[in-house]
Amino acid sequence: SRYVMGWYRQVPGEQRELVAGTGIGGRTNYPDSVKGRFS
């Protein structure tokens, strides 16, 4: 109720990237690289 949760991943030497996010109204957000595969 107080925090928005998400998942990120990071490869050594690269920036951390979002792979699964949540938002308003229970919406989810996935980058194209994982859409249809991650939930």
All heavy atoms as atom14 arrays in JSON, in Angstrom:
{
  "sequence": "SRYVMGWYRQVPGEQRELVAGTGIGGRTNYPDSVKGRFS",
  "atom14_mask": [
    [1, 1, 1, 1, 1, 1, 0, 0, 0, 0, 0, 0, 0, 0],
    [1, 1, 1, 1, 1, 1, 1, 1, 1, 1, 1, 0, 0, 0],
    [1, 1, 1, 1, 1, 1, 1, 1, 1, 1, 1, 1, 0, 0],
    [1, 1, 1, 1, 1, 1, 1, 0, 0, 0, 0, 0, 0, 0],
    [1, 1, 1, 1, 1, 1, 1, 1, 0, 0, 0, 0, 0, 0],
    [1, 1, 1, 1, 0, 0, 0, 0, 0, 0, 0, 0, 0, 0],
    [1, 1, 1, 1, 1, 1, 1, 1, 1, 1, 1, 1, 1, 1],
    [1, 1, 1, 1, 1, 1, 1, 1, 1, 1, 1, 1, 0, 0],
    [1, 1, 1, 1, 1, 1, 1, 1, 1, 1, 1, 0, 0, 0],
    [1, 1, 1, 1, 1, 1, 1, 1, 1, 0, 0, 0, 0, 0],
    [1, 1, 1, 1, 1, 1, 1, 0, 0, 0, 0, 0, 0, 0],
    [1, 1, 1, 1, 1, 1, 1, 0, 0, 0, 0, 0, 0, 0],
    [1, 1, 1, 1, 0, 0, 0, 0, 0, 0, 0, 0, 0, 0],
    [1, 1, 1, 1, 1, 1, 1, 1, 1, 0, 0, 0, 0, 0],
    [1, 1, 1, 1, 1, 1, 1, 1, 1, 0, 0, 0, 0, 0],
    [1, 1, 1, 1, 1, 1, 1, 1, 1, 1, 1, 0, 0, 0],
    [1, 1, 1, 1, 1, 1, 1, 1, 1, 0, 0, 0, 0, 0],
    [1, 1, 1, 1, 1, 1, 1, 1, 0, 0, 0, 0, 0, 0],
    [1, 1, 1, 1, 1, 1, 1, 0, 0, 0, 0, 0, 0, 0],
    [1, 1, 1, 1, 1, 0, 0, 0, 0, 0, 0, 0, 0, 0],
    [1, 1, 1, 1, 0, 0, 0, 0, 0, 0, 0, 0, 0, 0],
    [1, 1, 1, 1, 1, 1, 1, 0, 0, 0, 0, 0, 0, 0],
    [1, 1, 1, 1, 0, 0, 0, 0, 0, 0, 0, 0, 0, 0],
    [1, 1, 1, 1, 1, 1, 1, 1, 0, 0, 0, 0, 0, 0],
    [1, 1, 1, 1, 0, 0, 0, 0, 0, 0, 0, 0, 0, 0],
    [1, 1, 1, 1, 0, 0, 0, 0, 0, 0, 0, 0, 0, 0],
    [1, 1, 1, 1, 1, 1, 1, 1, 1, 1, 1, 0, 0, 0],
    [1, 1, 1, 1, 1, 1, 1, 0, 0, 0, 0, 0, 0, 0],
    [1, 1, 1, 1, 1, 1, 1, 1, 0, 0, 0, 0, 0, 0],
    [1, 1, 1, 1, 1, 1, 1, 1, 1, 1, 1, 1, 0, 0],
    [1, 1, 1, 1, 1, 1, 1, 0, 0, 0, 0, 0, 0, 0],
    [1, 1, 1, 1, 1, 1, 1, 1, 0, 0, 0, 0, 0, 0],
    [1, 1, 1, 1, 1, 1, 0, 0, 0, 0, 0, 0, 0, 0],
    [1, 1, 1, 1, 1, 1, 1, 0, 0, 0, 0, 0, 0, 0],
    [1, 1, 1, 1, 1, 1, 1, 1, 1, 0, 0, 0, 0, 0],
    [1, 1, 1, 1, 0, 0, 0, 0, 0, 0, 0, 0, 0, 0],
    [1, 1, 1, 1, 1, 1, 1, 1, 1, 1, 1, 0, 0, 0],
    [1, 1, 1, 1, 1, 1, 1, 1, 1, 1, 1, 0, 0, 0],
    [1, 1, 1, 1, 1, 1, 0, 0, 0, 0, 0, 0, 0, 0]
  ],
  "atom14_positions": [
    [[0.81, -1.2, 0.0], [0.0, 0.0, 0.0], [0.85, 1.26, 0.0], [0.35, 2.34, -0.31], [-0.95, 0.01, 1.21], [-0.22, 0.08, 2.42], [0.0, 0.0, 0.0], [0.0, 0.0, 0.0], [0.0, 0.0, 0.0], [0.0, 0.0, 0.0], [0.0, 0.0, 0.0], [0.0, 0.0, 0.0], [0.0, 0.0, 0.0], [0.0, 0.0, 0.0]],
    [[2.11, 1.13, 0.34], [3.0, 2.27, 0.46], [4.11, 2.31, -0.59], [4.75, 3.36, -0.76], [3.64, 2.3, 1.85], [2.65, 2.55, 2.98], [3.34, 2.44, 4.32], [3.6, 1.05, 4.67], [4.71, 0.62, 5.26], [5.68, 1.49, 5.56], [4.85, -0.65, 5.57], [0.0, 0.0, 0.0], [0.0, 0.0, 0.0], [0.0, 0.0, 0.0]],
    [[4.35, 1.21, -1.26], [5.45, 1.11, -2.21], [5.0, 0.52, -3.53], [4.13, -0.35, -3.57], [6.59, 0.27, -1.65], [7.31, 0.92, -0.48], [6.84, 0.75, 0.81], [8.44, 1.7, -0.69], [7.49, 1.35, 1.88], [9.1, 2.29, 0.37], [8.63, 2.12, 1.65], [9.27, 2.71, 2.7], [0.0, 0.0, 0.0], [0.0, 0.0, 0.0]],
    [[5.62, 1.01, -4.59], [5.46, 0.43, -5.91], [6.61, -0.54, -6.14], [7.78, -0.19, -5.95], [5.46, 1.52, -7.0], [5.41, 0.9, -8.38], [4.29, 2.46, -6.79], [0.0, 0.0, 0.0], [0.0, 0.0, 0.0], [0.0, 0.0, 0.0], [0.0, 0.0, 0.0], [0.0, 0.0, 0.0], [0.0, 0.0, 0.0], [0.0, 0.0, 0.0]],
    [[6.27, -1.75, -6.55], [7.27, -2.8, -6.68], [7.67, -3.01, -8.13], [6.89, -2.79, -9.06], [6.74, -4.12, -6.11], [6.22, -4.02, -4.69], [7.47, -3.44, -3.51], [8.68, -4.77, -3.62], [0.0, 0.0, 0.0], [0.0, 0.0, 0.0], [0.0, 0.0, 0.0], [0.0, 0.0, 0.0], [0.0, 0.0, 0.0], [0.0, 0.0, 0.0]],
    [[8.9, -3.45, -8.31], [9.38, -3.76, -9.64], [10.59, -4.66, -9.6], [11.15, -4.94, -8.54], [0.0, 0.0, 0.0], [0.0, 0.0, 0.0], [0.0, 0.0, 0.0], [0.0, 0.0, 0.0], [0.0, 0.0, 0.0], [0.0, 0.0, 0.0], [0.0, 0.0, 0.0], [0.0, 0.0, 0.0], [0.0, 0.0, 0.0], [0.0, 0.0, 0.0]],
    [[10.99, -5.13, -10.78], [12.18, -5.95, -10.94], [13.13, -5.29, -11.94], [12.69, -4.79, -12.98], [11.84, -7.36, -11.44], [11.24, -8.25, -10.4], [9.92, -8.45, -10.15], [11.95, -9.09, -9.48], [9.76, -9.35, -9.14], [10.98, -9.76, -8.71], [13.3, -9.34, -9.24], [11.33, -10.67, -7.7], [13.64, -10.23, -8.24], [12.66, -10.89, -7.49]],
    [[14.4, -5.3, -11.61], [15.46, -4.79, -12.47], [16.51, -5.86, -12.66], [16.59, -6.83, -11.89], [16.11, -3.54, -11.87], [15.25, -2.3, -11.86], [14.17, -2.18, -10.98], [15.53, -1.23, -12.71], [13.39, -1.04, -10.97], [14.75, -0.09, -12.7], [13.69, 0.0, -11.82], [12.93, 1.14, -11.8], [0.0, 0.0, 0.0], [0.0, 0.0, 0.0]],
    [[17.35, -5.68, -13.65], [18.5, -6.57, -13.84], [19.7, -5.75, -14.26], [19.58, -4.66, -14.82], [18.2, -7.67, -14.85], [18.05, -7.2, -16.29], [17.63, -8.37, -17.17], [17.47, -7.96, -18.57], [16.95, -8.75, -19.5], [16.54, -9.98, -19.2], [16.85, -8.3, -20.76], [0.0, 0.0, 0.0], [0.0, 0.0, 0.0], [0.0, 0.0, 0.0]],
    [[20.88, -6.31, -14.01], [22.1, -5.6, -14.33], [23.2, -6.58, -14.74], [23.44, -7.57, -14.06], [22.59, -4.76, -13.14], [23.78, -3.87, -13.45], [24.06, -2.89, -12.32], [23.7, -3.13, -11.17], [24.69, -1.78, -12.66], [0.0, 0.0, 0.0], [0.0, 0.0, 0.0], [0.0, 0.0, 0.0], [0.0, 0.0, 0.0], [0.0, 0.0, 0.0]],
    [[23.84, -6.27, -15.85], [25.01, -6.99, -16.32], [26.24, -6.17, -15.9], [26.22, -4.94, -15.99], [24.98, -7.17, -17.85], [26.25, -7.84, -18.35], [23.75, -7.96, -18.26], [0.0, 0.0, 0.0], [0.0, 0.0, 0.0], [0.0, 0.0, 0.0], [0.0, 0.0, 0.0], [0.0, 0.0, 0.0], [0.0, 0.0, 0.0], [0.0, 0.0, 0.0]],
    [[27.31, -6.81, -15.44], [28.5, -6.06, -15.05], [28.97, -5.1, -16.14], [29.07, -5.48, -17.31], [29.54, -7.16, -14.8], [28.72, -8.33, -14.36], [27.47, -8.26, -15.18], [0.0, 0.0, 0.0], [0.0, 0.0, 0.0], [0.0, 0.0, 0.0], [0.0, 0.0, 0.0], [0.0, 0.0, 0.0], [0.0, 0.0, 0.0], [0.0, 0.0, 0.0]],
    [[29.23, -3.86, -15.75], [29.67, -2.84, -16.68], [28.55, -2.12, -17.4], [28.83, -1.2, -18.18], [0.0, 0.0, 0.0], [0.0, 0.0, 0.0], [0.0, 0.0, 0.0], [0.0, 0.0, 0.0], [0.0, 0.0, 0.0], [0.0, 0.0, 0.0], [0.0, 0.0, 0.0], [0.0, 0.0, 0.0], [0.0, 0.0, 0.0], [0.0, 0.0, 0.0]],
    [[27.31, -2.52, -17.17], [26.18, -1.89, -17.83], [25.22, -1.3, -16.79], [25.31, -1.61, -15.61], [25.43, -2.89, -18.71], [26.27, -3.48, -19.83], [25.5, -4.41, -20.72], [24.26, -4.51, -20.56], [26.11, -5.03, -21.59], [0.0, 0.0, 0.0], [0.0, 0.0, 0.0], [0.0, 0.0, 0.0], [0.0, 0.0, 0.0], [0.0, 0.0, 0.0]],
    [[24.32, -0.45, -17.25], [23.35, 0.17, -16.37], [22.27, -0.82, -15.98], [21.92, -1.72, -16.74], [22.72, 1.39, -17.04], [23.67, 2.53, -17.31], [22.94, 3.77, -17.8], [21.77, 3.99, -17.5], [23.65, 4.6, -18.55], [0.0, 0.0, 0.0], [0.0, 0.0, 0.0], [0.0, 0.0, 0.0], [0.0, 0.0, 0.0], [0.0, 0.0, 0.0]],
    [[21.74, -0.63, -14.78], [20.62, -1.44, -14.34], [19.38, -1.05, -15.13], [19.1, 0.13, -15.34], [20.4, -1.22, -12.84], [19.46, -2.2, -12.19], [19.52, -2.07, -10.66], [20.84, -2.4, -10.15], [21.15, -2.43, -8.85], [20.22, -2.16, -7.95], [22.38, -2.74, -8.46], [0.0, 0.0, 0.0], [0.0, 0.0, 0.0], [0.0, 0.0, 0.0]],
    [[18.63, -2.05, -15.59], [17.47, -1.79, -16.41], [16.22, -2.42, -15.82], [16.27, -3.48, -15.2], [17.67, -2.29, -17.85], [17.78, -3.8, -17.98], [17.76, -4.28, -19.42], [17.33, -3.51, -20.3], [18.16, -5.44, -19.67], [0.0, 0.0, 0.0], [0.0, 0.0, 0.0], [0.0, 0.0, 0.0], [0.0, 0.0, 0.0], [0.0, 0.0, 0.0]],
    [[15.1, -1.76, -16.04], [13.81, -2.27, -15.6], [13.38, -3.42, -16.49], [13.41, -3.32, -17.72], [12.76, -1.17, -15.64], [11.33, -1.56, -15.26], [11.22, -1.77, -13.76], [10.35, -0.47, -15.71], [0.0, 0.0, 0.0], [0.0, 0.0, 0.0], [0.0, 0.0, 0.0], [0.0, 0.0, 0.0], [0.0, 0.0, 0.0], [0.0, 0.0, 0.0]],
    [[12.95, -4.53, -15.89], [12.42, -5.65, -16.65], [10.96, -5.92, -16.35], [10.29, -6.59, -17.14], [13.25, -6.93, -16.44], [14.66, -6.76, -16.99], [13.3, -7.32, -14.96], [0.0, 0.0, 0.0], [0.0, 0.0, 0.0], [0.0, 0.0, 0.0], [0.0, 0.0, 0.0], [0.0, 0.0, 0.0], [0.0, 0.0, 0.0], [0.0, 0.0, 0.0]],
    [[10.46, -5.43, -15.24], [9.05, -5.6, -14.9], [8.66, -4.53, -13.89], [9.17, -4.51, -12.78], [8.78, -6.99, -14.32], [0.0, 0.0, 0.0], [0.0, 0.0, 0.0], [0.0, 0.0, 0.0], [0.0, 0.0, 0.0], [0.0, 0.0, 0.0], [0.0, 0.0, 0.0], [0.0, 0.0, 0.0], [0.0, 0.0, 0.0], [0.0, 0.0, 0.0]],
    [[7.75, -3.65, -14.28], [7.31, -2.58, -13.41], [5.82, -2.62, -13.17], [5.06, -3.21, -13.95], [0.0, 0.0, 0.0], [0.0, 0.0, 0.0], [0.0, 0.0, 0.0], [0.0, 0.0, 0.0], [0.0, 0.0, 0.0], [0.0, 0.0, 0.0], [0.0, 0.0, 0.0], [0.0, 0.0, 0.0], [0.0, 0.0, 0.0], [0.0, 0.0, 0.0]],
    [[5.41, -2.0, -12.08], [3.99, -1.85, -11.77], [3.69, -0.37, -11.63], [4.56, 0.44, -11.32], [3.59, -2.58, -10.49], [4.34, -2.06, -9.37], [3.85, -4.07, -10.62], [0.0, 0.0, 0.0], [0.0, 0.0, 0.0], [0.0, 0.0, 0.0], [0.0, 0.0, 0.0], [0.0, 0.0, 0.0], [0.0, 0.0, 0.0], [0.0, 0.0, 0.0]],
    [[2.42, 0.0, -11.87], [2.04, 1.39, -11.82], [0.6, 1.58, -11.39], [-0.01, 0.71, -10.77], [0.0, 0.0, 0.0], [0.0, 0.0, 0.0], [0.0, 0.0, 0.0], [0.0, 0.0, 0.0], [0.0, 0.0, 0.0], [0.0, 0.0, 0.0], [0.0, 0.0, 0.0], [0.0, 0.0, 0.0], [0.0, 0.0, 0.0], [0.0, 0.0, 0.0]],
    [[0.06, 2.73, -11.74], [-1.29, 3.1, -11.36], [-2.3, 2.12, -11.92], [-2.21, 1.7, -13.08], [-1.61, 4.53, -11.84], [-0.67, 5.54, -11.18], [-3.06, 4.89, -11.53], [-0.81, 6.95, -11.72], [0.0, 0.0, 0.0], [0.0, 0.0, 0.0], [0.0, 0.0, 0.0], [0.0, 0.0, 0.0], [0.0, 0.0, 0.0], [0.0, 0.0, 0.0]],
    [[-3.27, 1.76, -11.09], [-4.32, 0.86, -11.52], [-3.88, -0.57, -11.75], [-4.57, -1.32, -12.45], [0.0, 0.0, 0.0], [0.0, 0.0, 0.0], [0.0, 0.0, 0.0], [0.0, 0.0, 0.0], [0.0, 0.0, 0.0], [0.0, 0.0, 0.0], [0.0, 0.0, 0.0], [0.0, 0.0, 0.0], [0.0, 0.0, 0.0], [0.0, 0.0, 0.0]],
    [[-2.74, -0.94, -11.17], [-2.25, -2.29, -11.33], [-1.62, -2.55, -12.69], [-1.4, -3.7, -13.06], [0.0, 0.0, 0.0], [0.0, 0.0, 0.0], [0.0, 0.0, 0.0], [0.0, 0.0, 0.0], [0.0, 0.0, 0.0], [0.0, 0.0, 0.0], [0.0, 0.0, 0.0], [0.0, 0.0, 0.0], [0.0, 0.0, 0.0], [0.0, 0.0, 0.0]],
    [[-1.35, -1.51, -13.43], [-0.71, -1.67, -14.73], [0.68, -2.25, -14.59], [1.36, -2.02, -13.6], [-0.63, -0.33, -15.46], [-1.98, 0.28, -15.83], [-1.79, 1.64, -16.48], [-3.05, 2.25, -16.84], [-3.17, 3.45, -17.38], [-2.08, 4.18, -17.62], [-4.37, 3.94, -17.67], [0.0, 0.0, 0.0], [0.0, 0.0, 0.0], [0.0, 0.0, 0.0]],
    [[1.08, -3.0, -15.59], [2.42, -3.55, -15.63], [3.16, -3.02, -16.84], [2.55, -2.65, -17.85], [2.4, -5.08, -15.66], [1.62, -5.53, -16.78], [1.78, -5.63, -14.38], [0.0, 0.0, 0.0], [0.0, 0.0, 0.0], [0.0, 0.0, 0.0], [0.0, 0.0, 0.0], [0.0, 0.0, 0.0], [0.0, 0.0, 0.0], [0.0, 0.0, 0.0]],
    [[4.46, -2.99, -16.73], [5.29, -2.45, -17.79], [6.48, -3.38, -18.01], [7.19, -3.71, -17.06], [5.77, -1.05, -17.42], [6.66, -0.44, -18.48], [6.37, -0.52, -19.66], [7.75, 0.19, -18.04], [0.0, 0.0, 0.0], [0.0, 0.0, 0.0], [0.0, 0.0, 0.0], [0.0, 0.0, 0.0], [0.0, 0.0, 0.0], [0.0, 0.0, 0.0]],
    [[6.7, -3.78, -19.26], [7.81, -4.64, -19.62], [8.5, -4.09, -20.86], [7.84, -3.63, -21.79], [7.33, -6.06, -19.94], [6.51, -6.72, -18.87], [5.12, -6.65, -18.9], [7.12, -7.41, -17.83], [4.36, -7.26, -17.92], [6.36, -8.02, -16.84], [4.98, -7.94, -16.89], [4.23, -8.55, -15.91], [0.0, 0.0, 0.0], [0.0, 0.0, 0.0]],
    [[9.82, -4.13, -20.88], [10.51, -3.75, -22.1], [10.28, -4.79, -23.19], [9.91, -5.94, -22.91], [11.98, -3.7, -21.68], [12.07, -4.68, -20.56], [10.75, -4.57, -19.83], [0.0, 0.0, 0.0], [0.0, 0.0, 0.0], [0.0, 0.0, 0.0], [0.0, 0.0, 0.0], [0.0, 0.0, 0.0], [0.0, 0.0, 0.0], [0.0, 0.0, 0.0]],
    [[10.48, -4.38, -24.43], [10.24, -5.28, -25.55], [11.05, -6.57, -25.46], [10.61, -7.62, -25.93], [10.55, -4.58, -26.87], [9.55, -3.49, -27.21], [8.43, -3.51, -26.66], [9.88, -2.63, -28.04], [0.0, 0.0, 0.0], [0.0, 0.0, 0.0], [0.0, 0.0, 0.0], [0.0, 0.0, 0.0], [0.0, 0.0, 0.0], [0.0, 0.0, 0.0]],
    [[12.22, -6.49, -24.84], [13.1, -7.64, -24.78], [12.53, -8.8, -23.96], [12.95, -9.94, -24.14], [14.46, -7.23, -24.2], [14.33, -6.68, -22.91], [0.0, 0.0, 0.0], [0.0, 0.0, 0.0], [0.0, 0.0, 0.0], [0.0, 0.0, 0.0], [0.0, 0.0, 0.0], [0.0, 0.0, 0.0], [0.0, 0.0, 0.0], [0.0, 0.0, 0.0]],
    [[11.57, -8.51, -23.07], [11.03, -9.57, -22.22], [9.52, -9.72, -22.34], [8.95, -10.64, -21.73], [11.41, -9.36, -20.73], [12.91, -9.18, -20.58], [10.65, -8.17, -20.14], [0.0, 0.0, 0.0], [0.0, 0.0, 0.0], [0.0, 0.0, 0.0], [0.0, 0.0, 0.0], [0.0, 0.0, 0.0], [0.0, 0.0, 0.0], [0.0, 0.0, 0.0]],
    [[8.86, -8.86, -23.1], [7.41, -8.95, -23.25], [6.98, -10.32, -23.75], [7.57, -10.86, -24.68], [6.9, -7.87, -24.21], [6.82, -6.49, -23.61], [6.24, -5.48, -24.6], [6.13, -4.1, -24.0], [5.62, -3.11, -24.97], [0.0, 0.0, 0.0], [0.0, 0.0, 0.0], [0.0, 0.0, 0.0], [0.0, 0.0, 0.0], [0.0, 0.0, 0.0]],
    [[5.96, -10.86, -23.12], [5.46, -12.17, -23.48], [6.2, -13.3, -22.81], [5.75, -14.45, -22.89], [0.0, 0.0, 0.0], [0.0, 0.0, 0.0], [0.0, 0.0, 0.0], [0.0, 0.0, 0.0], [0.0, 0.0, 0.0], [0.0, 0.0, 0.0], [0.0, 0.0, 0.0], [0.0, 0.0, 0.0], [0.0, 0.0, 0.0], [0.0, 0.0, 0.0]],
    [[7.32, -13.01, -22.17], [8.1, -14.05, -21.5], [8.17, -13.86, -19.99], [8.23, -14.84, -19.26], [9.53, -14.08, -22.07], [9.6, -14.37, -23.56], [11.03, -14.58, -24.03], [11.87, -13.41, -23.81], [12.91, -13.38, -22.98], [13.26, -14.47, -22.31], [13.63, -12.28, -22.85], [0.0, 0.0, 0.0], [0.0, 0.0, 0.0], [0.0, 0.0, 0.0]],
    [[8.19, -12.61, -19.53], [8.29, -12.31, -18.1], [6.95, -11.8, -17.59], [6.21, -11.13, -18.32], [9.34, -11.24, -17.84], [10.77, -11.69, -18.02], [11.08, -12.88, -18.66], [11.8, -10.91, -17.53], [12.39, -13.28, -18.81], [13.12, -11.3, -17.68], [13.42, -12.48, -18.32], [0.0, 0.0, 0.0], [0.0, 0.0, 0.0], [0.0, 0.0, 0.0]],
    [[6.66, -12.09, -16.33], [5.43, -11.63, -15.71], [5.65, -11.36, -14.23], [6.21, -12.21, -13.52], [4.32, -12.68, -15.9], [3.13, -12.27, -15.28], [0.0, 0.0, 0.0], [0.0, 0.0, 0.0], [0.0, 0.0, 0.0], [0.0, 0.0, 0.0], [0.0, 0.0, 0.0], [0.0, 0.0, 0.0], [0.0, 0.0, 0.0], [0.0, 0.0, 0.0]]
  ]
}
